[in-house]
Protein backbone atom coordinates (compact mmCIF):
# COMPACT_ATOMS: atom_id res chain seq x y z
CA MET A 1 81.60 33.18 79.04
CA ASP A 2 81.37 33.55 82.65
CA SER A 3 81.89 30.62 84.62
CA ASP A 4 79.65 31.51 87.34
CA VAL A 5 76.58 31.55 85.15
CA LEU A 6 76.46 28.30 83.12
CA PRO A 7 73.93 28.45 80.48
CA ARG A 8 71.31 25.20 80.16
CA TYR A 9 70.69 23.35 77.00
CA ASN A 10 67.24 21.55 76.97
CA VAL A 11 66.78 18.26 75.02
CA PRO A 12 64.38 18.33 72.08
CA GLU A 13 60.58 18.91 72.76
CA PRO A 14 58.54 15.76 73.95
CA ASP A 15 56.97 13.71 71.37
CA ILE A 16 53.39 12.44 71.46
CA TYR A 17 54.18 9.74 73.95
CA GLY A 18 55.48 12.32 76.30
CA ARG A 19 59.04 11.29 76.23
CA HIS A 20 61.80 14.17 76.45
CA GLY A 21 64.78 12.29 74.58
CA ALA A 22 67.17 11.24 77.12
CA GLY A 23 65.12 13.04 80.05
CA TYR A 24 67.98 15.07 81.05
CA LEU A 25 69.17 18.59 81.17
CA ILE A 26 72.72 19.08 80.17
CA GLN A 27 74.90 21.65 81.53
CA ALA A 28 77.43 23.65 79.95
CA PRO A 29 80.82 22.07 81.18
CA ARG A 30 79.29 18.63 80.38
CA LEU A 31 78.49 19.61 76.97
CA GLN A 32 81.89 20.98 76.22
CA SER A 33 83.63 17.95 77.31
CA MET A 34 80.97 15.72 75.58
CA MET A 35 81.63 17.61 72.57
CA LEU A 36 85.54 16.26 72.19
CA TRP A 37 83.90 12.52 72.04
CA PRO A 38 84.01 11.21 68.64
CA HIS A 39 80.77 11.45 66.99
CA GLU A 40 79.58 7.85 66.70
CA ILE A 41 80.16 7.38 70.74
CA LEU A 42 78.01 10.26 71.18
CA THR A 43 75.27 9.16 68.91
CA SER A 44 75.12 5.74 70.54
CA LEU A 45 75.10 7.20 73.79
CA LEU A 46 72.16 9.41 73.20
CA GLN A 47 70.12 6.53 71.62
CA SER A 48 70.94 4.42 74.36
CA LEU A 49 69.62 6.66 76.99
CA ILE A 50 66.31 7.76 74.82
CA THR A 51 65.61 3.77 74.56
CA GLN A 52 66.10 3.35 78.46
CA GLN A 53 63.84 6.19 78.84
CA SER A 54 61.04 4.88 76.63
CA SER A 55 61.11 1.57 77.97
CA LYS A 56 60.44 3.07 81.33
CA THR A 57 57.65 5.39 80.64
CA VAL A 58 55.82 3.71 77.62
CA PRO A 59 55.34 -0.18 78.29
CA SER A 60 54.65 -2.43 75.18
CA LEU A 61 50.84 -2.87 74.61
CA ASP A 62 51.10 -6.26 73.56
CA SER A 63 53.10 -7.42 76.62
CA HIS A 64 49.53 -7.13 78.72
CA GLU A 65 45.85 -7.97 78.30
CA PRO A 66 43.16 -5.29 77.59
CA HIS A 67 42.27 -3.66 80.88
CA SER A 68 38.57 -4.55 80.45
CA GLN A 69 39.27 -8.17 80.04
CA ALA A 70 41.12 -8.46 83.26
CA ALA A 71 38.66 -6.47 84.87
CA ASP A 72 36.06 -8.86 83.65
CA ARG A 73 37.99 -11.75 84.83
CA THR A 74 38.43 -10.22 88.31
CA ARG A 75 34.69 -9.49 88.46
CA SER A 76 34.17 -13.12 87.55
CA SER A 77 36.41 -14.78 90.00
CA VAL A 78 34.79 -12.44 92.64
CA ARG A 79 31.24 -13.57 91.80
CA THR A 80 31.94 -17.40 91.87
CA SER A 81 33.96 -17.01 95.03
CA PHE A 82 30.52 -15.02 96.70
CA GLU A 83 28.31 -17.86 95.25
CA LYS A 84 30.43 -20.27 96.62
CA THR A 85 30.45 -18.78 100.30
CA ALA A 86 26.80 -18.09 100.02
CA GLU A 87 26.22 -21.59 99.33
CA ASN A 88 28.21 -22.87 101.94
CA ASN A 89 26.53 -20.60 104.55
CA HIS A 90 23.37 -21.80 103.19
CA ASP A 91 23.82 -25.44 103.55
CA GLU A 92 25.50 -24.78 107.18
CA GLN A 93 22.46 -22.85 108.36
CA LYS A 94 19.91 -25.27 106.89
CA LYS A 95 21.81 -28.15 108.65
CA LYS A 96 21.43 -26.08 111.83
CA LEU A 97 17.65 -25.51 111.04
CA LEU A 98 17.15 -29.41 110.31
CA THR A 99 18.59 -29.95 113.80
CA HIS A 100 16.12 -27.67 115.45
CA LEU A 101 13.06 -28.92 113.66
CA GLU A 102 13.80 -32.89 113.22
CA PRO A 103 10.91 -33.40 115.98
CA ILE A 104 8.47 -31.67 113.69
CA LEU A 105 9.49 -33.16 110.51
CA PRO A 106 7.52 -36.60 110.02
CA PRO A 107 9.74 -39.59 109.55
CA ASP A 108 10.42 -40.49 105.86
CA GLY A 109 8.08 -42.67 103.94
CA SER A 110 5.63 -42.19 106.70
CA ASP A 111 1.94 -41.66 106.01
CA SER A 112 1.43 -38.86 108.45
CA CYS A 113 1.63 -34.92 108.79
CA THR A 114 2.30 -32.67 111.56
CA ILE A 115 0.20 -29.80 113.39
CA LEU A 116 1.52 -27.33 115.87
CA VAL A 117 -0.46 -26.51 118.97
CA CYS A 118 0.81 -24.02 121.54
CA TRP A 119 -0.45 -22.36 124.65
CA GLY A 120 0.51 -19.51 126.81
CA LYS A 121 0.80 -15.81 126.22
CA GLY A 122 1.47 -14.16 122.57
CA ASN A 123 4.83 -13.05 123.71
CA CYS A 124 6.08 -16.25 125.67
CA CYS A 125 4.09 -19.48 124.55
CA GLU A 126 5.13 -22.90 124.52
CA ILE A 127 4.85 -24.93 121.36
CA PHE A 128 4.47 -28.83 120.66
CA PRO A 129 4.07 -31.18 117.20
CA VAL A 130 1.25 -33.24 116.92
CA GLN A 131 1.46 -36.23 114.51
CA ILE A 132 -1.69 -37.20 112.46
CA ALA A 133 -2.05 -39.79 109.96
CA LEU A 134 -2.91 -38.47 106.72
CA SER A 135 -5.57 -40.91 106.33
CA ALA A 136 -7.43 -39.71 109.37
CA ASP A 137 -10.91 -38.40 109.16
CA GLY A 138 -12.16 -35.42 110.94
CA PRO A 139 -12.95 -37.19 114.42
CA ALA A 140 -9.57 -38.78 114.31
CA GLU A 141 -7.59 -35.57 113.90
CA TRP A 142 -9.42 -33.70 116.76
CA ARG A 143 -8.85 -36.98 118.84
CA ALA A 144 -5.23 -36.85 118.28
CA ILE A 145 -5.03 -33.23 119.02
CA ARG A 146 -7.12 -33.78 122.62
CA GLU A 147 -5.10 -36.75 123.55
CA ALA A 148 -1.80 -35.32 123.12
CA TRP A 149 -2.71 -32.19 124.77
CA TYR A 150 -3.77 -34.02 127.82
CA ARG A 151 -0.77 -36.28 127.73
CA ARG A 152 1.33 -33.31 127.52
CA ARG A 153 -0.21 -31.13 130.20
CA GLY A 154 -1.66 -33.57 132.47
CA SER A 155 -4.81 -35.73 132.21
CA TRP A 156 -5.93 -34.33 135.58
CA ARG A 157 -6.74 -31.30 133.90
CA LYS A 158 -10.15 -32.75 132.90
CA HIS A 159 -11.19 -33.31 136.44
CA VAL A 160 -10.95 -29.83 137.82
CA PRO A 161 -14.06 -28.29 138.39
CA MET A 162 -14.94 -24.93 136.70
CA PHE A 163 -11.33 -24.90 135.10
CA GLY A 164 -10.99 -26.20 131.16
CA VAL A 165 -10.25 -25.52 127.59
CA ARG A 166 -12.28 -22.23 126.80
CA GLY A 167 -10.90 -21.55 123.41
CA VAL A 168 -9.37 -22.91 120.17
CA GLU A 169 -8.25 -20.86 117.16
CA MET A 170 -5.88 -20.64 114.79
CA VAL A 171 -2.65 -18.72 115.07
CA LYS A 172 0.81 -17.84 113.12
CA ILE A 173 3.59 -19.27 115.27
CA SER A 174 7.13 -18.31 115.38
CA ILE A 175 9.77 -20.56 117.04
CA LEU A 176 12.45 -19.10 119.18
CA GLY A 177 14.30 -22.09 120.42
CA ASP A 178 13.93 -25.71 122.22
CA LEU A 179 12.66 -26.36 125.43
CA CYS A 180 12.99 -30.26 125.34
CA ARG A 181 14.66 -32.26 122.22
CA ALA A 182 13.25 -35.49 123.12
CA LYS A 183 11.25 -36.89 120.27
CA SER A 184 8.40 -37.77 122.58
CA GLN A 185 8.34 -34.69 124.45
CA SER A 186 9.38 -32.09 122.20
CA THR A 187 8.89 -28.80 123.36
CA TYR A 188 9.47 -25.23 121.75
CA SER A 189 9.56 -22.00 123.10
CA GLY A 190 8.10 -19.23 120.69
CA ILE A 191 5.50 -16.29 120.00
CA HIS A 192 2.17 -16.77 118.32
CA LYS A 193 0.25 -14.08 116.35
CA CYS A 194 -3.51 -13.87 116.25
CA VAL A 195 -4.96 -13.92 112.56
CA ALA A 196 -8.46 -13.01 113.21
CA ASP A 197 -8.40 -9.82 111.63
CA GLU A 198 -6.60 -10.92 108.41
CA LEU A 199 -8.97 -13.98 108.55
CA GLU A 200 -11.82 -11.45 108.65
CA ILE A 201 -10.14 -9.39 105.92
CA GLU A 202 -10.11 -12.71 103.77
CA GLU A 203 -13.44 -13.48 104.32
CA LYS A 204 -15.01 -10.05 103.10
CA ARG A 205 -12.47 -10.49 100.19
CA LEU A 206 -14.18 -13.91 99.46
CA ARG A 207 -17.64 -12.62 100.04
CA ARG A 208 -17.37 -9.92 97.62
CA ILE A 209 -15.81 -11.72 94.64
CA ILE A 210 -18.41 -14.67 95.22
CA THR A 211 -21.46 -12.14 95.24
CA LYS A 212 -19.87 -10.27 91.71
CA SER A 213 -19.30 -13.84 90.18
CA GLU A 214 -23.18 -14.83 90.80
CA PHE A 215 -24.46 -11.56 89.54
CA TYR A 216 -22.14 -12.01 86.30
CA SER A 217 -23.17 -15.30 85.99
CA LYS A 218 -26.96 -14.23 85.92
CA TRP A 219 -26.28 -11.73 83.83
CA LEU A 220 -24.16 -13.75 81.14
CA GLY A 221 -25.98 -16.92 81.48
CA ASN A 222 -24.81 -20.58 82.24
CA GLU A 223 -23.13 -20.98 78.86
CA TYR A 224 -20.04 -19.01 80.15
CA ASP A 225 -17.30 -20.35 82.11
CA SER A 226 -15.59 -17.14 82.96
CA LEU A 227 -16.14 -13.44 83.75
CA ALA A 228 -13.88 -12.12 80.81
CA GLU A 229 -16.50 -11.17 78.51
CA PHE A 230 -18.79 -9.14 81.03
CA ALA A 231 -15.86 -7.48 82.42
CA SER A 232 -14.69 -6.09 79.00
CA TYR A 233 -18.14 -4.22 79.00
CA TYR A 234 -18.71 -3.44 82.64
CA VAL A 235 -15.80 -2.98 84.82
CA THR A 236 -16.53 -1.24 88.35
CA ASP A 237 -13.78 1.04 90.60
CA ASP A 238 -13.02 -2.19 92.77
CA TRP A 239 -12.84 -4.63 89.97
CA VAL A 240 -8.83 -4.55 89.71
CA HIS A 241 -8.39 -6.99 87.32
CA SER A 242 -8.04 -6.74 83.43
CA SER A 243 -10.72 -8.00 81.20
CA ASP A 244 -8.95 -11.08 80.04
CA TYR A 245 -8.60 -12.45 84.04
CA LEU A 246 -10.77 -15.37 84.28
CA TYR A 247 -12.92 -16.40 87.05
CA PRO A 248 -14.10 -19.91 86.05
CA ARG A 249 -16.77 -21.76 87.81
CA GLN A 250 -14.49 -24.11 89.45
CA GLU A 251 -12.57 -21.25 91.17
CA VAL A 252 -15.58 -19.91 92.46
CA GLU A 253 -16.73 -23.13 93.77
CA ASP A 254 -13.39 -23.30 95.70
CA MET A 255 -13.89 -19.90 97.05
CA LYS A 256 -17.23 -20.64 98.26
CA ARG A 257 -15.67 -23.70 100.01
CA LYS A 258 -12.69 -21.77 101.49
CA LEU A 259 -15.31 -19.27 102.73
CA ASN A 260 -17.15 -21.95 104.44
CA ARG A 261 -14.09 -23.26 106.22
CA LEU A 262 -13.24 -19.84 107.62
CA LEU A 263 -16.76 -19.42 108.92
CA LEU A 264 -16.54 -23.09 110.46
CA ARG A 265 -13.41 -21.99 112.91
CA ALA A 266 -16.16 -21.33 115.69
CA ALA A 267 -16.55 -25.02 115.84
CA PHE A 268 -12.91 -25.80 116.92
CA LEU A 269 -13.69 -25.66 120.70
CA ASP A 270 -16.63 -28.11 120.20
CA ALA A 271 -14.62 -30.54 118.00
CA PHE A 272 -11.87 -30.55 120.81
CA SER A 273 -14.05 -31.07 123.51
CA ASN A 274 -16.26 -33.70 121.44
CA PRO A 275 -14.41 -34.95 118.33
CA ASP A 276 -17.30 -37.35 117.67
CA ILE A 277 -19.50 -34.74 116.98
CA VAL A 278 -17.48 -33.64 113.70
CA GLY A 279 -18.50 -36.83 111.62
CA GLU A 280 -16.86 -36.96 108.46
CA SER A 281 -16.13 -33.06 108.31
CA ARG A 282 -12.71 -32.06 108.09
CA LEU A 283 -12.55 -28.47 110.06
CA LEU A 284 -8.85 -27.94 109.88
CA ASP A 285 -7.32 -25.80 107.32
CA GLN A 286 -4.73 -27.08 104.90
CA LYS A 287 -2.42 -24.70 106.28
CA LEU A 288 -2.69 -26.42 109.60
CA ILE A 289 -1.65 -29.77 108.47
CA MET A 290 2.10 -29.53 107.20
CA GLY A 291 3.78 -32.51 105.68
CA GLN A 292 7.48 -32.97 105.17
CA ARG A 293 7.75 -31.31 101.87
CA ASP A 294 5.81 -28.27 103.32
CA ILE A 295 8.28 -27.72 106.15
CA LEU A 296 11.44 -28.47 104.22
CA GLU A 297 10.30 -25.82 101.52
CA LYS A 298 10.81 -22.96 104.11
CA LEU A 299 14.35 -23.65 104.17
CA ASN A 300 15.05 -23.65 100.41
CA GLU A 301 14.89 -19.62 100.14
CA ILE A 302 17.51 -17.62 98.45
CA HIS A 303 18.87 -16.54 102.00
CA CYS A 304 18.33 -19.48 104.32
CA PRO A 305 16.32 -17.74 107.14
CA ASP A 306 16.96 -18.08 111.02
CA LEU A 307 14.77 -20.26 112.93
CA CYS A 308 12.49 -17.38 114.35
CA ASP A 309 12.10 -16.01 110.87
CA LEU A 310 9.85 -19.03 109.99
CA ASP A 311 6.43 -18.58 110.18
CA PHE A 312 4.18 -21.92 110.79
CA SER A 313 0.39 -22.06 111.08
CA GLY A 314 -0.74 -23.79 114.24
CA LEU A 315 -3.44 -24.15 117.14
CA LEU A 316 -3.84 -21.67 120.27
CA ILE A 317 -5.69 -23.64 123.27
CA ARG A 318 -6.51 -21.51 125.86
CA GLU A 319 -7.32 -22.58 129.07
CA ASP A 320 -9.37 -20.94 132.00
CA TRP A 321 -11.84 -20.60 134.74
CA GLU A 322 -15.43 -20.78 134.30
CA PHE A 323 -17.66 -18.38 136.40
CA ASP A 324 -21.00 -18.32 135.31
CA SER A 325 -24.27 -18.16 136.88
CA ARG A 326 -24.51 -21.96 137.66
CA HIS A 327 -20.97 -22.16 139.02
CA VAL A 328 -21.39 -19.09 141.36
CA LEU A 329 -24.44 -19.68 142.89
CA LEU A 330 -23.99 -23.12 144.09
CA PRO A 331 -20.91 -22.30 146.07
CA LEU A 332 -22.53 -19.56 147.24
CA ALA A 333 -25.40 -21.17 148.50
CA ALA A 334 -23.54 -24.03 150.34
CA THR A 335 -21.38 -21.24 151.89
CA LEU A 336 -24.28 -18.88 153.18
CA LEU A 337 -26.09 -22.37 154.34
CA LEU A 338 -23.05 -23.27 156.40
CA THR A 339 -22.88 -19.52 157.77
CA LEU A 340 -26.47 -19.52 158.81
CA ALA A 341 -26.52 -23.01 160.15
CA GLY A 342 -23.60 -22.03 162.57
CA ALA A 343 -25.46 -18.79 163.45
CA SER A 344 -28.50 -20.88 164.36
CA ARG A 345 -26.67 -23.31 166.42
CA ILE A 346 -25.40 -20.34 168.41
CA VAL A 347 -28.56 -18.97 168.83
CA TYR A 348 -30.70 -21.71 169.58
CA GLY A 349 -28.52 -24.07 170.78
CA ASP A 350 -29.59 -26.97 168.89
CA TRP A 351 -28.30 -28.46 165.42
CA SER A 352 -31.51 -29.47 164.05
CA THR A 353 -33.15 -26.29 164.63
CA ALA A 354 -30.14 -24.23 163.22
CA TRP A 355 -30.11 -26.73 159.95
CA THR A 356 -33.75 -26.22 159.47
CA PHE A 357 -33.76 -22.58 160.10
CA GLY A 358 -30.32 -21.97 157.76
CA GLY A 359 -32.10 -24.08 154.89
CA PHE A 360 -35.46 -22.38 155.18
CA LEU A 361 -33.26 -19.04 154.56
CA VAL A 362 -31.09 -20.31 152.04
CA SER A 363 -34.57 -21.66 150.01
CA PHE A 364 -35.98 -18.09 150.22
CA ILE A 365 -33.21 -16.44 149.24
CA ALA A 366 -33.08 -18.67 146.10
CA LEU A 367 -36.68 -18.22 145.30
CA ILE A 368 -36.23 -14.32 145.57
CA TRP A 369 -33.11 -14.66 143.09
CA MET A 370 -35.04 -16.84 140.38
CA TRP A 371 -38.08 -14.61 140.53
CA ALA A 372 -35.91 -11.41 140.07
CA HIS A 373 -33.65 -13.21 137.24
CA HIS A 374 -37.05 -14.15 135.50
CA ALA A 375 -38.80 -10.90 135.88
CA VAL A 376 -35.59 -8.81 134.30
CA GLY A 377 -34.87 -11.31 131.85
């Protein structure tokens, strides 16, 4: 055999586990030298090589857990770690929020609630809390709001002519940060959003439901406590509830009361200006009156929100100048009188004649204005 061309002898074909015997290709010279060894040594050597290769390529199934159990254990540990991290983050965020909201929270065990009052523009307003006793009646509630307003803004504002509170309405408030942390003078910066459109939609919805309920009650008679039976026979397109949806009489009465409260929002300004006219009526909506539990419940969501994500209901108080005919006519008449008197003094050289002439002209102009106003009106 030519020594330059050495034949190669393969070991047996791989078995079902992919093992190639000893895992080697043996060249002819080496094979010839190995054939001179005793048969027992050669057999032992091949078996040891096959065993070593098998231990490297095919691990024992009994030495490891199934892959699915290990994966489940990994997922469980990751989930537990994530839940602990989320819980810790929630607790830390809640502590931060409680630090900011401490002036709003009523004291523990106290018989009081909180109403938020704001003033300013929609995108930049100032907010402060007002503490009111839960046992307070209607006039006491508005008196507390009025006193807190002028104590915070200055009592001198009540005595400025042609200036004062011109509107009191319910709004949605979002707090952005603190302006003053003192308990007695706590003030926040934030924004407010008008809810007049939402309240109008709610008012229309309540009117529609109440109208339907009254019609159905007349059709069914007074012996029925719900509209389920009628709904099973007659369902209109805008009746979105199923036939087993109940509208008990008590719920309808509650809707009427809620609708009446929405209509009484127009009396907020009069109640603020003169709290005694309210009598025993409580005009403030329940959304405006917040207890300690109402505030803390906003922090117990799955993902604790930021301070600006918390929505509160509050009162917006608007101040403005009042320029109606009465407030414009009197200053204009006084200015005109002084101007005419000064001009008459220059012309006639006598103050008595000047005042008489100026008063006559002002009275004449006022009579003409009154005649024109009544004639046109």
